[in-house]
Amino acid sequence: MMMTVLLKGLVVWGGILVLAIANGVLREAVLEPAFGRSVALVLSGILLSLLIIGMAYVALPWLNVRHLAGLFGLGAAWLVLTLVFEFSFGLWQGKSWAELLEAYRFRGGNLWPMVLAVTVFAPYLAARLRQLL
């Protein structure tokens, strides 16, 4: 049972990753030219947060997690996967630790730390929206 939830959670996180990449493309191709970097970062952060909650909402029946510890465990797993991906990909691109850590500051419209918090709480919020808790 636990392994099934973990594997399903990994699949859902893969979907979140695809949405996050699409969100980044939208931000750079459409939002930044139209609104400037700061506004684009805010809009992109809000949109990605909503997409993550939406993905959790859609996936929750399939994941079949209904207890608080499981919901927060799933959110924490998504957070860890996201951080491992972000740092691994950034290092692979040759970025320095200082450059990577800059994304974790609320500066110039950057909402990435908020997106990470939403990631942890998304399964719980989805369960509340579905009135499962």
C-alpha atoms as a PDB file:
ATOM      1  CA  MET A   1       0.000   0.000   0.000  1.00  0.00           C
ATOM      2  CA  MET A   2       2.714   2.485   1.032  1.00  0.00           C
ATOM      3  CA  MET A   3       4.815   1.666  -2.041  1.00  0.00           C
ATOM      4  CA  THR A   4       1.780   2.195  -4.280  1.00  0.00           C
ATOM      5  CA  VAL A   5       1.154   5.639  -2.785  1.00  0.00           C
ATOM      6  CA  LEU A   6       4.835   6.543  -3.185  1.00  0.00           C
ATOM      7  CA  LEU A   7       4.907   5.457  -6.825  1.00  0.00           C
ATOM      8  CA  LYS A   8       1.642   7.246  -7.582  1.00  0.00           C
ATOM      9  CA  GLY A   9       2.943  10.298  -5.760  1.00  0.00           C
ATOM     10  CA  LEU A  10       6.048  10.222  -7.946  1.00  0.00           C
ATOM     11  CA  VAL A  11       3.885  10.086 -11.077  1.00  0.00           C
ATOM     12  CA  VAL A  12       1.840  13.072  -9.872  1.00  0.00           C
ATOM     13  CA  TRP A  13       5.024  14.972  -9.044  1.00  0.00           C
ATOM     14  CA  GLY A  14       6.194  14.270 -12.614  1.00  0.00           C
ATOM     15  CA  GLY A  15       3.011  15.966 -13.809  1.00  0.00           C
ATOM     16  CA  ILE A  16       3.717  18.904 -11.499  1.00  0.00           C
ATOM     17  CA  LEU A  17       7.229  19.103 -12.978  1.00  0.00           C
ATOM     18  CA  VAL A  18       5.805  19.291 -16.505  1.00  0.00           C
ATOM     19  CA  LEU A  19       3.402  22.047 -15.419  1.00  0.00           C
ATOM     20  CA  ALA A  20       6.248  23.932 -13.716  1.00  0.00           C
ATOM     21  CA  ILE A  21       8.375  23.806 -16.875  1.00  0.00           C
ATOM     22  CA  ALA A  22       5.432  24.982 -18.998  1.00  0.00           C
ATOM     23  CA  ASN A  23       4.832  27.765 -16.484  1.00  0.00           C
ATOM     24  CA  GLY A  24       8.473  28.854 -16.819  1.00  0.00           C
ATOM     25  CA  VAL A  25       8.209  28.890 -20.599  1.00  0.00           C
ATOM     26  CA  LEU A  26       5.016  30.970 -20.360  1.00  0.00           C
ATOM     27  CA  ARG A  27       6.719  33.380 -17.956  1.00  0.00           C
ATOM     28  CA  GLU A  28       9.755  33.929 -20.173  1.00  0.00           C
ATOM     29  CA  ALA A  29       7.980  33.941 -23.550  1.00  0.00           C
ATOM     30  CA  VAL A  30       4.790  35.847 -22.715  1.00  0.00           C
ATOM     31  CA  LEU A  31       4.647  37.358 -19.248  1.00  0.00           C
ATOM     32  CA  GLU A  32       8.115  38.951 -19.050  1.00  0.00           C
ATOM     33  CA  PRO A  33       7.886  40.711 -22.425  1.00  0.00           C
ATOM     34  CA  ALA A  34       4.377  41.936 -21.621  1.00  0.00           C
ATOM     35  CA  PHE A  35       4.734  42.953 -17.960  1.00  0.00           C
ATOM     36  CA  GLY A  36       8.424  43.014 -17.045  1.00  0.00           C
ATOM     37  CA  ARG A  37      10.378  40.618 -14.857  1.00  0.00           C
ATOM     38  CA  SER A  38       8.987  41.499 -11.411  1.00  0.00           C
ATOM     39  CA  VAL A  39       5.321  41.280 -12.382  1.00  0.00           C
ATOM     40  CA  ALA A  40       5.990  38.153 -14.442  1.00  0.00           C
ATOM     41  CA  LEU A  41       7.598  36.455 -11.430  1.00  0.00           C
ATOM     42  CA  VAL A  42       4.601  37.272  -9.232  1.00  0.00           C
ATOM     43  CA  LEU A  43       2.071  36.075 -11.822  1.00  0.00           C
ATOM     44  CA  SER A  44       4.111  32.955 -12.531  1.00  0.00           C
ATOM     45  CA  GLY A  45       4.447  32.140  -8.820  1.00  0.00           C
ATOM     46  CA  ILE A  46       0.715  32.497  -8.251  1.00  0.00           C
ATOM     47  CA  LEU A  47      -0.113  30.468 -11.367  1.00  0.00           C
ATOM     48  CA  LEU A  48       2.281  27.668 -10.437  1.00  0.00           C
ATOM     49  CA  SER A  49       0.872  27.525  -6.913  1.00  0.00           C
ATOM     50  CA  LEU A  50      -2.650  27.180  -8.319  1.00  0.00           C
ATOM     51  CA  LEU A  51      -1.497  24.519 -10.777  1.00  0.00           C
ATOM     52  CA  ILE A  52       0.091  22.481  -7.976  1.00  0.00           C
ATOM     53  CA  ILE A  53      -3.069  22.669  -5.867  1.00  0.00           C
ATOM     54  CA  GLY A  54      -5.126  21.783  -8.951  1.00  0.00           C
ATOM     55  CA  MET A  55      -2.932  18.777  -9.706  1.00  0.00           C
ATOM     56  CA  ALA A  56      -3.265  17.585  -6.117  1.00  0.00           C
ATOM     57  CA  TYR A  57      -7.036  18.099  -6.290  1.00  0.00           C
ATOM     58  CA  VAL A  58      -7.368  16.060  -9.482  1.00  0.00           C
ATOM     59  CA  ALA A  59      -4.985  13.315  -8.310  1.00  0.00           C
ATOM     60  CA  LEU A  60      -6.204  12.898  -4.743  1.00  0.00           C
ATOM     61  CA  PRO A  61      -8.893  10.255  -5.468  1.00  0.00           C
ATOM     62  CA  TRP A  62      -6.342   8.212  -7.426  1.00  0.00           C
ATOM     63  CA  LEU A  63      -3.731   8.590  -4.682  1.00  0.00           C
ATOM     64  CA  ASN A  64      -6.294   7.477  -2.093  1.00  0.00           C
ATOM     65  CA  VAL A  65      -4.643   9.315   0.806  1.00  0.00           C
ATOM     66  CA  ARG A  66      -7.136  10.505   3.391  1.00  0.00           C
ATOM     67  CA  HIS A  67      -5.291  10.924   6.673  1.00  0.00           C
ATOM     68  CA  LEU A  68      -3.397  14.013   7.762  1.00  0.00           C
ATOM     69  CA  ALA A  69       0.010  12.336   8.153  1.00  0.00           C
ATOM     70  CA  GLY A  70      -0.234  10.828   4.674  1.00  0.00           C
ATOM     71  CA  LEU A  71      -1.254  14.125   3.093  1.00  0.00           C
ATOM     72  CA  PHE A  72       1.624  16.039   4.664  1.00  0.00           C
ATOM     73  CA  GLY A  73       4.021  13.159   3.971  1.00  0.00           C
ATOM     74  CA  LEU A  74       3.045  13.324   0.308  1.00  0.00           C
ATOM     75  CA  GLY A  75       3.535  17.096   0.243  1.00  0.00           C
ATOM     76  CA  ALA A  76       6.909  16.748   1.965  1.00  0.00           C
ATOM     77  CA  ALA A  77       7.959  14.105  -0.581  1.00  0.00           C
ATOM     78  CA  TRP A  78       6.995  16.461  -3.415  1.00  0.00           C
ATOM     79  CA  LEU A  79       9.052  19.200  -1.756  1.00  0.00           C
ATOM     80  CA  VAL A  80      12.121  16.965  -1.449  1.00  0.00           C
ATOM     81  CA  LEU A  81      11.800  15.815  -5.071  1.00  0.00           C
ATOM     82  CA  THR A  82      11.485  19.435  -6.188  1.00  0.00           C
ATOM     83  CA  LEU A  83      14.547  20.552  -4.223  1.00  0.00           C
ATOM     84  CA  VAL A  84      16.642  17.614  -5.451  1.00  0.00           C
ATOM     85  CA  PHE A  85      15.605  18.368  -9.018  1.00  0.00           C
ATOM     86  CA  GLU A  86      16.227  22.123  -8.715  1.00  0.00           C
ATOM     87  CA  PHE A  87      19.670  21.815  -7.173  1.00  0.00           C
ATOM     88  CA  SER A  88      20.770  18.902  -9.380  1.00  0.00           C
ATOM     89  CA  PHE A  89      19.641  20.600 -12.567  1.00  0.00           C
ATOM     90  CA  GLY A  90      21.160  23.926 -11.521  1.00  0.00           C
ATOM     91  CA  LEU A  91      24.510  22.352 -10.654  1.00  0.00           C
ATOM     92  CA  TRP A  92      24.442  20.394 -13.907  1.00  0.00           C
ATOM     93  CA  GLN A  93      24.003  23.734 -15.724  1.00  0.00           C
ATOM     94  CA  GLY A  94      27.125  25.011 -13.985  1.00  0.00           C
ATOM     95  CA  LYS A  95      25.400  27.436 -11.618  1.00  0.00           C
ATOM     96  CA  SER A  96      27.094  28.307  -8.352  1.00  0.00           C
ATOM     97  CA  TRP A  97      25.524  27.634  -4.960  1.00  0.00           C
ATOM     98  CA  ALA A  98      25.101  31.410  -4.521  1.00  0.00           C
ATOM     99  CA  GLU A  99      23.137  31.585  -7.780  1.00  0.00           C
ATOM    100  CA  LEU A 100      20.988  28.621  -6.791  1.00  0.00           C
ATOM    101  CA  LEU A 101      20.235  29.980  -3.331  1.00  0.00           C
ATOM    102  CA  GLU A 102      19.253  33.387  -4.745  1.00  0.00           C
ATOM    103  CA  ALA A 103      15.995  31.804  -5.945  1.00  0.00           C
ATOM    104  CA  TYR A 104      15.044  31.203  -2.299  1.00  0.00           C
ATOM    105  CA  ARG A 105      14.802  34.899  -1.453  1.00  0.00           C
ATOM    106  CA  PHE A 106      11.732  37.070  -1.845  1.00  0.00           C
ATOM    107  CA  ARG A 107      13.356  39.613  -4.118  1.00  0.00           C
ATOM    108  CA  GLY A 108      12.161  41.348  -7.265  1.00  0.00           C
ATOM    109  CA  GLY A 109       8.792  39.595  -7.293  1.00  0.00           C
ATOM    110  CA  ASN A 110      10.212  36.108  -6.709  1.00  0.00           C
ATOM    111  CA  LEU A 111       7.618  33.891  -5.001  1.00  0.00           C
ATOM    112  CA  TRP A 112       9.531  30.592  -5.245  1.00  0.00           C
ATOM    113  CA  PRO A 113       9.653  30.077  -1.445  1.00  0.00           C
ATOM    114  CA  MET A 114       5.857  30.493  -1.356  1.00  0.00           C
ATOM    115  CA  VAL A 115       5.496  27.947  -4.181  1.00  0.00           C
ATOM    116  CA  LEU A 116       7.529  25.471  -2.121  1.00  0.00           C
ATOM    117  CA  ALA A 117       5.259  26.025   0.887  1.00  0.00           C
ATOM    118  CA  VAL A 118       2.211  25.491  -1.328  1.00  0.00           C
ATOM    119  CA  THR A 119       3.789  22.251  -2.559  1.00  0.00           C
ATOM    120  CA  VAL A 120       3.925  20.897   1.000  1.00  0.00           C
ATOM    121  CA  PHE A 121       0.363  21.952   1.791  1.00  0.00           C
ATOM    122  CA  ALA A 122      -1.207  21.109  -1.606  1.00  0.00           C
ATOM    123  CA  PRO A 123      -2.407  17.572  -0.743  1.00  0.00           C
ATOM    124  CA  TYR A 124      -3.948  18.844   2.516  1.00  0.00           C
ATOM    125  CA  LEU A 125      -5.578  21.807   0.744  1.00  0.00           C
ATOM    126  CA  ALA A 126      -6.907  19.507  -1.979  1.00  0.00           C
ATOM    127  CA  ALA A 127      -8.394  17.199   0.657  1.00  0.00           C
ATOM    128  CA  ARG A 128     -10.053  20.187   2.330  1.00  0.00           C
ATOM    129  CA  LEU A 129     -11.430  21.404  -1.008  1.00  0.00           C
ATOM    130  CA  ARG A 130     -12.778  17.919  -1.693  1.00  0.00           C
ATOM    131  CA  GLN A 131     -14.215  17.897   1.841  1.00  0.00           C
ATOM    132  CA  LEU A 132     -12.378  14.690   2.682  1.00  0.00           C
ATOM    133  CA  LEU A 133     -11.198  16.079   6.030  1.00  0.00           C
END
